[in-house]
ModelCIF file with pLDDT and N, C-alpha, C, O atoms, coordinates in Angstrom:
data_MODEL
#
_entry.id   MODEL 
#
_entity.id                         1 
_entity.type                       polymer 
_entity.pdbx_number_of_molecules   1 
#
_entity_poly.entity_id                      1 
_entity_poly.type                           'polypeptide(L)' 
_entity_poly.nstd_linkage                   no 
_entity_poly.nstd_monomer                   no 
_entity_poly.pdbx_seq_one_letter_code       LRSFPSIPIGTVSVHNIRYGDFSDGEIGYKIDSAFRRQGFAREA 
_entity_poly.pdbx_seq_one_letter_code_can   LRSFPSIPIGTVSVHNIRYGDFSDGEIGYKIDSAFRRQGFAREA 
_entity_poly.pdbx_strand_id                 A 
#
loop_
_entity_poly_seq.entity_id 
_entity_poly_seq.num 
_entity_poly_seq.mon_id 
_entity_poly_seq.hetero 
1 1  LEU n 
1 2  ARG n 
1 3  SER n 
1 4  PHE n 
1 5  PRO n 
1 6  SER n 
1 7  ILE n 
1 8  PRO n 
1 9  ILE n 
1 10 GLY n 
1 11 THR n 
1 12 VAL n 
1 13 SER n 
1 14 VAL n 
1 15 HIS n 
1 16 ASN n 
1 17 ILE n 
1 18 ARG n 
1 19 TYR n 
1 20 GLY n 
1 21 ASP n 
1 22 PHE n 
1 23 SER n 
1 24 ASP n 
1 25 GLY n 
1 26 GLU n 
1 27 ILE n 
1 28 GLY n 
1 29 TYR n 
1 30 LYS n 
1 31 ILE n 
1 32 ASP n 
1 33 SER n 
1 34 ALA n 
1 35 PHE n 
1 36 ARG n 
1 37 ARG n 
1 38 GLN n 
1 39 GLY n 
1 40 PHE n 
1 41 ALA n 
1 42 ARG n 
1 43 GLU n 
1 44 ALA n 
#
_struct_asym.id          A 
_struct_asym.entity_id   1 
#
loop_
_ma_qa_metric.id 
_ma_qa_metric.mode 
_ma_qa_metric.name 
_ma_qa_metric.software_group_id 
_ma_qa_metric.type 
1 global pLDDT . pLDDT 
2 local  pLDDT . pLDDT 
#
_ma_qa_metric_global.metric_id      1 
_ma_qa_metric_global.metric_value   93.52 
_ma_qa_metric_global.model_id       1 
_ma_qa_metric_global.ordinal_id     1 
#
loop_
_ma_qa_metric_local.label_asym_id 
_ma_qa_metric_local.label_comp_id 
_ma_qa_metric_local.label_seq_id 
_ma_qa_metric_local.metric_id 
_ma_qa_metric_local.metric_value 
_ma_qa_metric_local.model_id 
_ma_qa_metric_local.ordinal_id 
A LEU 1  2 95.00 1 1  
A ARG 2  2 93.00 1 2  
A SER 3  2 90.00 1 3  
A PHE 4  2 86.00 1 4  
A PRO 5  2 85.00 1 5  
A SER 6  2 85.00 1 6  
A ILE 7  2 90.00 1 7  
A PRO 8  2 93.00 1 8  
A ILE 9  2 94.00 1 9  
A GLY 10 2 95.00 1 10 
A THR 11 2 93.00 1 11 
A VAL 12 2 97.00 1 12 
A SER 13 2 95.00 1 13 
A VAL 14 2 97.00 1 14 
A HIS 15 2 94.00 1 15 
A ASN 16 2 95.00 1 16 
A ILE 17 2 97.00 1 17 
A ARG 18 2 96.00 1 18 
A TYR 19 2 95.00 1 19 
A GLY 20 2 93.00 1 20 
A ASP 21 2 94.00 1 21 
A PHE 22 2 95.00 1 22 
A SER 23 2 96.00 1 23 
A ASP 24 2 97.00 1 24 
A GLY 25 2 97.00 1 25 
A GLU 26 2 97.00 1 26 
A ILE 27 2 97.00 1 27 
A GLY 28 2 94.00 1 28 
A TYR 29 2 95.00 1 29 
A LYS 30 2 92.00 1 30 
A ILE 31 2 93.00 1 31 
A ASP 32 2 92.00 1 32 
A SER 33 2 88.00 1 33 
A ALA 34 2 90.00 1 34 
A PHE 35 2 92.00 1 35 
A ARG 36 2 90.00 1 36 
A ARG 37 2 91.00 1 37 
A GLN 38 2 92.00 1 38 
A GLY 39 2 94.00 1 39 
A PHE 40 2 96.00 1 40 
A ALA 41 2 95.00 1 41 
A ARG 42 2 96.00 1 42 
A GLU 43 2 97.00 1 43 
A ALA 44 2 97.00 1 44 
#
loop_
_atom_site.group_PDB 
_atom_site.id 
_atom_site.type_symbol 
_atom_site.label_atom_id 
_atom_site.label_alt_id 
_atom_site.label_comp_id 
_atom_site.label_asym_id 
_atom_site.label_entity_id 
_atom_site.label_seq_id 
_atom_site.pdbx_PDB_ins_code 
_atom_site.Cartn_x 
_atom_site.Cartn_y 
_atom_site.Cartn_z 
_atom_site.occupancy 
_atom_site.B_iso_or_equiv 
_atom_site.pdbx_formal_charge 
_atom_site.auth_seq_id 
_atom_site.auth_comp_id 
_atom_site.auth_asym_id 
_atom_site.auth_atom_id 
_atom_site.pdbx_PDB_model_num 
ATOM 1   N N  . LEU A 1 1  ? -32.088 -25.787 -61.392 1.00 95.00 ? 1  LEU A N  1 
ATOM 2   C CA . LEU A 1 1  ? -32.674 -26.048 -62.699 1.00 95.00 ? 1  LEU A CA 1 
ATOM 3   C C  . LEU A 1 1  ? -34.191 -26.020 -62.564 1.00 95.00 ? 1  LEU A C  1 
ATOM 4   O O  . LEU A 1 1  ? -34.731 -26.546 -61.590 1.00 95.00 ? 1  LEU A O  1 
ATOM 5   N N  . ARG A 1 2  ? -34.881 -25.421 -63.517 1.00 93.00 ? 2  ARG A N  1 
ATOM 6   C CA . ARG A 1 2  ? -36.349 -25.425 -63.502 1.00 93.00 ? 2  ARG A CA 1 
ATOM 7   C C  . ARG A 1 2  ? -36.871 -26.864 -63.511 1.00 93.00 ? 2  ARG A C  1 
ATOM 8   O O  . ARG A 1 2  ? -37.877 -27.179 -62.876 1.00 93.00 ? 2  ARG A O  1 
ATOM 9   N N  . SER A 1 3  ? -36.163 -27.729 -64.245 1.00 90.00 ? 3  SER A N  1 
ATOM 10  C CA . SER A 1 3  ? -36.606 -29.114 -64.374 1.00 90.00 ? 3  SER A CA 1 
ATOM 11  C C  . SER A 1 3  ? -36.296 -29.955 -63.133 1.00 90.00 ? 3  SER A C  1 
ATOM 12  O O  . SER A 1 3  ? -36.788 -31.077 -63.012 1.00 90.00 ? 3  SER A O  1 
ATOM 13  N N  . PHE A 1 4  ? -35.486 -29.424 -62.212 1.00 86.00 ? 4  PHE A N  1 
ATOM 14  C CA . PHE A 1 4  ? -35.138 -30.158 -60.997 1.00 86.00 ? 4  PHE A CA 1 
ATOM 15  C C  . PHE A 1 4  ? -34.879 -29.143 -59.886 1.00 86.00 ? 4  PHE A C  1 
ATOM 16  O O  . PHE A 1 4  ? -33.726 -28.904 -59.528 1.00 86.00 ? 4  PHE A O  1 
ATOM 17  N N  . PRO A 1 5  ? -35.940 -28.542 -59.334 1.00 85.00 ? 5  PRO A N  1 
ATOM 18  C CA . PRO A 1 5  ? -35.803 -27.395 -58.444 1.00 85.00 ? 5  PRO A CA 1 
ATOM 19  C C  . PRO A 1 5  ? -35.481 -27.680 -56.976 1.00 85.00 ? 5  PRO A C  1 
ATOM 20  O O  . PRO A 1 5  ? -35.727 -26.827 -56.124 1.00 85.00 ? 5  PRO A O  1 
ATOM 21  N N  . SER A 1 6  ? -34.944 -28.841 -56.665 1.00 85.00 ? 6  SER A N  1 
ATOM 22  C CA . SER A 1 6  ? -34.672 -29.135 -55.258 1.00 85.00 ? 6  SER A CA 1 
ATOM 23  C C  . SER A 1 6  ? -33.187 -29.199 -54.903 1.00 85.00 ? 6  SER A C  1 
ATOM 24  O O  . SER A 1 6  ? -32.841 -29.183 -53.722 1.00 85.00 ? 6  SER A O  1 
ATOM 25  N N  . ILE A 1 7  ? -32.305 -29.269 -55.898 1.00 90.00 ? 7  ILE A N  1 
ATOM 26  C CA . ILE A 1 7  ? -30.876 -29.373 -55.621 1.00 90.00 ? 7  ILE A CA 1 
ATOM 27  C C  . ILE A 1 7  ? -30.143 -28.202 -56.260 1.00 90.00 ? 7  ILE A C  1 
ATOM 28  O O  . ILE A 1 7  ? -30.207 -28.031 -57.477 1.00 90.00 ? 7  ILE A O  1 
ATOM 29  N N  . PRO A 1 8  ? -29.436 -27.379 -55.453 1.00 93.00 ? 8  PRO A N  1 
ATOM 30  C CA . PRO A 1 8  ? -28.723 -26.238 -56.032 1.00 93.00 ? 8  PRO A CA 1 
ATOM 31  C C  . PRO A 1 8  ? -27.545 -26.699 -56.886 1.00 93.00 ? 8  PRO A C  1 
ATOM 32  O O  . PRO A 1 8  ? -26.810 -27.619 -56.526 1.00 93.00 ? 8  PRO A O  1 
ATOM 33  N N  . ILE A 1 9  ? -27.389 -26.029 -58.030 1.00 94.00 ? 9  ILE A N  1 
ATOM 34  C CA . ILE A 1 9  ? -26.260 -26.336 -58.917 1.00 94.00 ? 9  ILE A CA 1 
ATOM 35  C C  . ILE A 1 9  ? -25.251 -25.196 -58.935 1.00 94.00 ? 9  ILE A C  1 
ATOM 36  O O  . ILE A 1 9  ? -24.247 -25.268 -59.645 1.00 94.00 ? 9  ILE A O  1 
ATOM 37  N N  . GLY A 1 10 ? -25.505 -24.157 -58.168 1.00 95.00 ? 10 GLY A N  1 
ATOM 38  C CA . GLY A 1 10 ? -24.563 -23.045 -58.125 1.00 95.00 ? 10 GLY A CA 1 
ATOM 39  C C  . GLY A 1 10 ? -25.109 -21.894 -57.318 1.00 95.00 ? 10 GLY A C  1 
ATOM 40  O O  . GLY A 1 10 ? -26.189 -21.966 -56.733 1.00 95.00 ? 10 GLY A O  1 
ATOM 41  N N  . THR A 1 11 ? -24.332 -20.829 -57.302 1.00 93.00 ? 11 THR A N  1 
ATOM 42  C CA . THR A 1 11 ? -24.719 -19.626 -56.579 1.00 93.00 ? 11 THR A CA 1 
ATOM 43  C C  . THR A 1 11 ? -24.073 -18.413 -57.236 1.00 93.00 ? 11 THR A C  1 
ATOM 44  O O  . THR A 1 11 ? -22.988 -18.497 -57.811 1.00 93.00 ? 11 THR A O  1 
ATOM 45  N N  . VAL A 1 12 ? -24.769 -17.286 -57.137 1.00 97.00 ? 12 VAL A N  1 
ATOM 46  C CA . VAL A 1 12 ? -24.241 -15.992 -57.577 1.00 97.00 ? 12 VAL A CA 1 
ATOM 47  C C  . VAL A 1 12 ? -24.501 -15.015 -56.444 1.00 97.00 ? 12 VAL A C  1 
ATOM 48  O O  . VAL A 1 12 ? -25.602 -14.965 -55.895 1.00 97.00 ? 12 VAL A O  1 
ATOM 49  N N  . SER A 1 13 ? -23.487 -14.243 -56.100 1.00 95.00 ? 13 SER A N  1 
ATOM 50  C CA . SER A 1 13 ? -23.686 -13.239 -55.064 1.00 95.00 ? 13 SER A CA 1 
ATOM 51  C C  . SER A 1 13 ? -23.038 -11.930 -55.483 1.00 95.00 ? 13 SER A C  1 
ATOM 52  O O  . SER A 1 13 ? -22.047 -11.904 -56.212 1.00 95.00 ? 13 SER A O  1 
ATOM 53  N N  . VAL A 1 14 ? -23.624 -10.858 -55.003 1.00 97.00 ? 14 VAL A N  1 
ATOM 54  C CA . VAL A 1 14 ? -23.006 -9.538  -55.094 1.00 97.00 ? 14 VAL A CA 1 
ATOM 55  C C  . VAL A 1 14 ? -22.867 -9.084  -53.648 1.00 97.00 ? 14 VAL A C  1 
ATOM 56  O O  . VAL A 1 14 ? -23.857 -8.964  -52.926 1.00 97.00 ? 14 VAL A O  1 
ATOM 57  N N  . HIS A 1 15 ? -21.638 -8.834  -53.237 1.00 94.00 ? 15 HIS A N  1 
ATOM 58  C CA . HIS A 1 15 ? -21.388 -8.482  -51.845 1.00 94.00 ? 15 HIS A CA 1 
ATOM 59  C C  . HIS A 1 15 ? -20.602 -7.166  -51.783 1.00 94.00 ? 15 HIS A C  1 
ATOM 60  O O  . HIS A 1 15 ? -20.203 -6.612  -52.808 1.00 94.00 ? 15 HIS A O  1 
ATOM 61  N N  . ASN A 1 16 ? -20.395 -6.692  -50.578 1.00 95.00 ? 16 ASN A N  1 
ATOM 62  C CA . ASN A 1 16 ? -19.731 -5.402  -50.361 1.00 95.00 ? 16 ASN A CA 1 
ATOM 63  C C  . ASN A 1 16 ? -20.433 -4.297  -51.150 1.00 95.00 ? 16 ASN A C  1 
ATOM 64  O O  . ASN A 1 16 ? -19.778 -3.427  -51.723 1.00 95.00 ? 16 ASN A O  1 
ATOM 65  N N  . ILE A 1 17 ? -21.762 -4.335  -51.177 1.00 97.00 ? 17 ILE A N  1 
ATOM 66  C CA . ILE A 1 17 ? -22.525 -3.333  -51.914 1.00 97.00 ? 17 ILE A CA 1 
ATOM 67  C C  . ILE A 1 17 ? -22.455 -2.002  -51.172 1.00 97.00 ? 17 ILE A C  1 
ATOM 68  O O  . ILE A 1 17 ? -22.687 -1.917  -49.966 1.00 97.00 ? 17 ILE A O  1 
ATOM 69  N N  . ARG A 1 18 ? -22.128 -0.977  -51.936 1.00 96.00 ? 18 ARG A N  1 
ATOM 70  C CA . ARG A 1 18 ? -22.098 0.387   -51.408 1.00 96.00 ? 18 ARG A CA 1 
ATOM 71  C C  . ARG A 1 18 ? -22.969 1.263   -52.301 1.00 96.00 ? 18 ARG A C  1 
ATOM 72  O O  . ARG A 1 18 ? -23.090 1.027   -53.503 1.00 96.00 ? 18 ARG A O  1 
ATOM 73  N N  . TYR A 1 19 ? -23.568 2.272   -51.692 1.00 95.00 ? 19 TYR A N  1 
ATOM 74  C CA . TYR A 1 19 ? -24.455 3.166   -52.421 1.00 95.00 ? 19 TYR A CA 1 
ATOM 75  C C  . TYR A 1 19 ? -23.877 4.573   -52.433 1.00 95.00 ? 19 TYR A C  1 
ATOM 76  O O  . TYR A 1 19 ? -22.742 4.797   -52.011 1.00 95.00 ? 19 TYR A O  1 
ATOM 77  N N  . GLY A 1 20 ? -24.656 5.493   -52.911 1.00 93.00 ? 20 GLY A N  1 
ATOM 78  C CA . GLY A 1 20 ? -24.220 6.886   -52.943 1.00 93.00 ? 20 GLY A CA 1 
ATOM 79  C C  . GLY A 1 20 ? -23.195 7.116   -54.032 1.00 93.00 ? 20 GLY A C  1 
ATOM 80  O O  . GLY A 1 20 ? -23.363 6.665   -55.165 1.00 93.00 ? 20 GLY A O  1 
ATOM 81  N N  . ASP A 1 21 ? -22.136 7.819   -53.682 1.00 94.00 ? 21 ASP A N  1 
ATOM 82  C CA . ASP A 1 21 ? -21.121 8.181   -54.671 1.00 94.00 ? 21 ASP A CA 1 
ATOM 83  C C  . ASP A 1 21 ? -20.311 6.987   -55.159 1.00 94.00 ? 21 ASP A C  1 
ATOM 84  O O  . ASP A 1 21 ? -19.638 7.089   -56.185 1.00 94.00 ? 21 ASP A O  1 
ATOM 85  N N  . PHE A 1 22 ? -20.354 5.851   -54.451 1.00 95.00 ? 22 PHE A N  1 
ATOM 86  C CA . PHE A 1 22 ? -19.651 4.646   -54.917 1.00 95.00 ? 22 PHE A CA 1 
ATOM 87  C C  . PHE A 1 22 ? -20.560 3.812   -55.810 1.00 95.00 ? 22 PHE A C  1 
ATOM 88  O O  . PHE A 1 22 ? -20.207 3.527   -56.954 1.00 95.00 ? 22 PHE A O  1 
ATOM 89  N N  . SER A 1 23 ? -21.711 3.424   -55.311 1.00 96.00 ? 23 SER A N  1 
ATOM 90  C CA . SER A 1 23 ? -22.703 2.667   -56.070 1.00 96.00 ? 23 SER A CA 1 
ATOM 91  C C  . SER A 1 23 ? -22.080 1.469   -56.775 1.00 96.00 ? 23 SER A C  1 
ATOM 92  O O  . SER A 1 23 ? -22.127 1.348   -58.000 1.00 96.00 ? 23 SER A O  1 
ATOM 93  N N  . ASP A 1 24 ? -21.493 0.586   -55.963 1.00 97.00 ? 24 ASP A N  1 
ATOM 94  C CA . ASP A 1 24 ? -20.792 -0.558  -56.545 1.00 97.00 ? 24 ASP A CA 1 
ATOM 95  C C  . ASP A 1 24 ? -20.943 -1.799  -55.681 1.00 97.00 ? 24 ASP A C  1 
ATOM 96  O O  . ASP A 1 24 ? -21.502 -1.750  -54.586 1.00 97.00 ? 24 ASP A O  1 
ATOM 97  N N  . GLY A 1 25 ? -20.438 -2.904  -56.189 1.00 97.00 ? 25 GLY A N  1 
ATOM 98  C CA . GLY A 1 25 ? -20.431 -4.169  -55.475 1.00 97.00 ? 25 GLY A CA 1 
ATOM 99  C C  . GLY A 1 25 ? -19.492 -5.126  -56.176 1.00 97.00 ? 25 GLY A C  1 
ATOM 100 O O  . GLY A 1 25 ? -18.994 -4.840  -57.265 1.00 97.00 ? 25 GLY A O  1 
ATOM 101 N N  . GLU A 1 26 ? -19.252 -6.266  -55.546 1.00 97.00 ? 26 GLU A N  1 
ATOM 102 C CA . GLU A 1 26 ? -18.359 -7.284  -56.113 1.00 97.00 ? 26 GLU A CA 1 
ATOM 103 C C  . GLU A 1 26 ? -19.146 -8.565  -56.336 1.00 97.00 ? 26 GLU A C  1 
ATOM 104 O O  . GLU A 1 26 ? -19.825 -9.047  -55.429 1.00 97.00 ? 26 GLU A O  1 
ATOM 105 N N  . ILE A 1 27 ? -19.055 -9.116  -57.538 1.00 97.00 ? 27 ILE A N  1 
ATOM 106 C CA . ILE A 1 27 ? -19.796 -10.327 -57.873 1.00 97.00 ? 27 ILE A CA 1 
ATOM 107 C C  . ILE A 1 27 ? -18.901 -11.551 -57.697 1.00 97.00 ? 27 ILE A C  1 
ATOM 108 O O  . ILE A 1 27 ? -17.698 -11.510 -57.955 1.00 97.00 ? 27 ILE A O  1 
ATOM 109 N N  . GLY A 1 28 ? -19.517 -12.628 -57.254 1.00 94.00 ? 28 GLY A N  1 
ATOM 110 C CA . GLY A 1 28 ? -18.851 -13.914 -57.150 1.00 94.00 ? 28 GLY A CA 1 
ATOM 111 C C  . GLY A 1 28 ? -19.827 -14.996 -57.562 1.00 94.00 ? 28 GLY A C  1 
ATOM 112 O O  . GLY A 1 28 ? -21.039 -14.819 -57.437 1.00 94.00 ? 28 GLY A O  1 
ATOM 113 N N  . TYR A 1 29 ? -19.323 -16.098 -58.044 1.00 95.00 ? 29 TYR A N  1 
ATOM 114 C CA . TYR A 1 29 ? -20.200 -17.167 -58.520 1.00 95.00 ? 29 TYR A CA 1 
ATOM 115 C C  . TYR A 1 29 ? -19.474 -18.494 -58.461 1.00 95.00 ? 29 TYR A C  1 
ATOM 116 O O  . TYR A 1 29 ? -18.247 -18.562 -58.529 1.00 95.00 ? 29 TYR A O  1 
ATOM 117 N N  . LYS A 1 30 ? -20.262 -19.546 -58.334 1.00 92.00 ? 30 LYS A N  1 
ATOM 118 C CA . LYS A 1 30 ? -19.753 -20.921 -58.320 1.00 92.00 ? 30 LYS A CA 1 
ATOM 119 C C  . LYS A 1 30 ? -20.788 -21.789 -59.020 1.00 92.00 ? 30 LYS A C  1 
ATOM 120 O O  . LYS A 1 30 ? -21.992 -21.599 -58.846 1.00 92.00 ? 30 LYS A O  1 
ATOM 121 N N  . ILE A 1 31 ? -20.316 -22.731 -59.804 1.00 93.00 ? 31 ILE A N  1 
ATOM 122 C CA . ILE A 1 31 ? -21.201 -23.681 -60.470 1.00 93.00 ? 31 ILE A CA 1 
ATOM 123 C C  . ILE A 1 31 ? -20.687 -25.083 -60.177 1.00 93.00 ? 31 ILE A C  1 
ATOM 124 O O  . ILE A 1 31 ? -19.488 -25.348 -60.262 1.00 93.00 ? 31 ILE A O  1 
ATOM 125 N N  . ASP A 1 32 ? -21.598 -25.968 -59.835 1.00 92.00 ? 32 ASP A N  1 
ATOM 126 C CA . ASP A 1 32 ? -21.264 -27.374 -59.622 1.00 92.00 ? 32 ASP A CA 1 
ATOM 127 C C  . ASP A 1 32 ? -20.521 -27.890 -60.849 1.00 92.00 ? 32 ASP A C  1 
ATOM 128 O O  . ASP A 1 32 ? -20.922 -27.623 -61.982 1.00 92.00 ? 32 ASP A O  1 
ATOM 129 N N  . SER A 1 33 ? -19.449 -28.622 -60.623 1.00 88.00 ? 33 SER A N  1 
ATOM 130 C CA . SER A 1 33 ? -18.615 -29.098 -61.733 1.00 88.00 ? 33 SER A CA 1 
ATOM 131 C C  . SER A 1 33 ? -19.405 -29.924 -62.749 1.00 88.00 ? 33 SER A C  1 
ATOM 132 O O  . SER A 1 33 ? -19.038 -29.954 -63.924 1.00 88.00 ? 33 SER A O  1 
ATOM 133 N N  . ALA A 1 34 ? -20.463 -30.584 -62.335 1.00 90.00 ? 34 ALA A N  1 
ATOM 134 C CA . ALA A 1 34 ? -21.264 -31.398 -63.261 1.00 90.00 ? 34 ALA A CA 1 
ATOM 135 C C  . ALA A 1 34 ? -22.142 -30.558 -64.187 1.00 90.00 ? 34 ALA A C  1 
ATOM 136 O O  . ALA A 1 34 ? -22.725 -31.089 -65.132 1.00 90.00 ? 34 ALA A O  1 
ATOM 137 N N  . PHE A 1 35 ? -22.242 -29.242 -63.925 1.00 92.00 ? 35 PHE A N  1 
ATOM 138 C CA . PHE A 1 35 ? -23.149 -28.397 -64.698 1.00 92.00 ? 35 PHE A CA 1 
ATOM 139 C C  . PHE A 1 35 ? -22.431 -27.249 -65.403 1.00 92.00 ? 35 PHE A C  1 
ATOM 140 O O  . PHE A 1 35 ? -23.070 -26.282 -65.819 1.00 92.00 ? 35 PHE A O  1 
ATOM 141 N N  . ARG A 1 36 ? -21.134 -27.346 -65.538 1.00 90.00 ? 36 ARG A N  1 
ATOM 142 C CA . ARG A 1 36 ? -20.373 -26.287 -66.201 1.00 90.00 ? 36 ARG A CA 1 
ATOM 143 C C  . ARG A 1 36 ? -20.442 -26.408 -67.713 1.00 90.00 ? 36 ARG A C  1 
ATOM 144 O O  . ARG A 1 36 ? -20.768 -27.455 -68.273 1.00 90.00 ? 36 ARG A O  1 
ATOM 145 N N  . ARG A 1 37 ? -20.119 -25.292 -68.343 1.00 91.00 ? 37 ARG A N  1 
ATOM 146 C CA . ARG A 1 37 ? -20.053 -25.191 -69.811 1.00 91.00 ? 37 ARG A CA 1 
ATOM 147 C C  . ARG A 1 37 ? -21.382 -25.549 -70.486 1.00 91.00 ? 37 ARG A C  1 
ATOM 148 O O  . ARG A 1 37 ? -21.407 -26.097 -71.588 1.00 91.00 ? 37 ARG A O  1 
ATOM 149 N N  . GLN A 1 38 ? -22.483 -25.228 -69.799 1.00 92.00 ? 38 GLN A N  1 
ATOM 150 C CA . GLN A 1 38 ? -23.821 -25.456 -70.359 1.00 92.00 ? 38 GLN A CA 1 
ATOM 151 C C  . GLN A 1 38 ? -24.616 -24.148 -70.434 1.00 92.00 ? 38 GLN A C  1 
ATOM 152 O O  . GLN A 1 38 ? -25.799 -24.156 -70.775 1.00 92.00 ? 38 GLN A O  1 
ATOM 153 N N  . GLY A 1 39 ? -23.963 -23.030 -70.114 1.00 94.00 ? 39 GLY A N  1 
ATOM 154 C CA . GLY A 1 39 ? -24.610 -21.729 -70.194 1.00 94.00 ? 39 GLY A CA 1 
ATOM 155 C C  . GLY A 1 39 ? -25.351 -21.303 -68.942 1.00 94.00 ? 39 GLY A C  1 
ATOM 156 O O  . GLY A 1 39 ? -25.931 -20.217 -68.910 1.00 94.00 ? 39 GLY A O  1 
ATOM 157 N N  . PHE A 1 40 ? -25.345 -22.139 -67.903 1.00 96.00 ? 40 PHE A N  1 
ATOM 158 C CA . PHE A 1 40 ? -26.102 -21.812 -66.693 1.00 96.00 ? 40 PHE A CA 1 
ATOM 159 C C  . PHE A 1 40 ? -25.493 -20.639 -65.921 1.00 96.00 ? 40 PHE A C  1 
ATOM 160 O O  . PHE A 1 40 ? -26.224 -19.793 -65.407 1.00 96.00 ? 40 PHE A O  1 
ATOM 161 N N  . ALA A 1 41 ? -24.164 -20.583 -65.835 1.00 95.00 ? 41 ALA A N  1 
ATOM 162 C CA . ALA A 1 41 ? -23.516 -19.466 -65.137 1.00 95.00 ? 41 ALA A CA 1 
ATOM 163 C C  . ALA A 1 41 ? -23.843 -18.155 -65.844 1.00 95.00 ? 41 ALA A C  1 
ATOM 164 O O  . ALA A 1 41 ? -24.205 -17.171 -65.199 1.00 95.00 ? 41 ALA A O  1 
ATOM 165 N N  . ARG A 1 42 ? -23.716 -18.142 -67.157 1.00 96.00 ? 42 ARG A N  1 
ATOM 166 C CA . ARG A 1 42 ? -24.021 -16.931 -67.933 1.00 96.00 ? 42 ARG A CA 1 
ATOM 167 C C  . ARG A 1 42 ? -25.470 -16.493 -67.706 1.00 96.00 ? 42 ARG A C  1 
ATOM 168 O O  . ARG A 1 42 ? -25.739 -15.309 -67.499 1.00 96.00 ? 42 ARG A O  1 
ATOM 169 N N  . GLU A 1 43 ? -26.381 -17.432 -67.745 1.00 97.00 ? 43 GLU A N  1 
ATOM 170 C CA . GLU A 1 43 ? -27.802 -17.133 -67.584 1.00 97.00 ? 43 GLU A CA 1 
ATOM 171 C C  . GLU A 1 43 ? -28.081 -16.552 -66.193 1.00 97.00 ? 43 GLU A C  1 
ATOM 172 O O  . GLU A 1 43 ? -28.813 -15.571 -66.060 1.00 97.00 ? 43 GLU A O  1 
ATOM 173 N N  . ALA A 1 44 ? -27.498 -17.157 -65.171 1.00 97.00 ? 44 ALA A N  1 
ATOM 174 C CA . ALA A 1 44 ? -27.727 -16.695 -63.792 1.00 97.00 ? 44 ALA A CA 1 
ATOM 175 C C  . ALA A 1 44 ? -27.056 -15.348 -63.537 1.00 97.00 ? 44 ALA A C  1 
ATOM 176 O O  . ALA A 1 44 ? -27.146 -14.814 -62.431 1.00 97.00 ? 44 ALA A O  1 
#
C-alpha cells in the first residue's frame, strides 16, 4: 500500500515467459486475506 509501504499485502508474477513465436507467459497472484475485495488485486 502507498500509505503503508513496508509490509507486502500480495504478489503478482508472470512466469514461464517465452518469446518469439510463442510470446506468452502465465500469471499468478495472491492477496493477503485481510486486503481482499478492495480492488488491490485488480489494480496490481
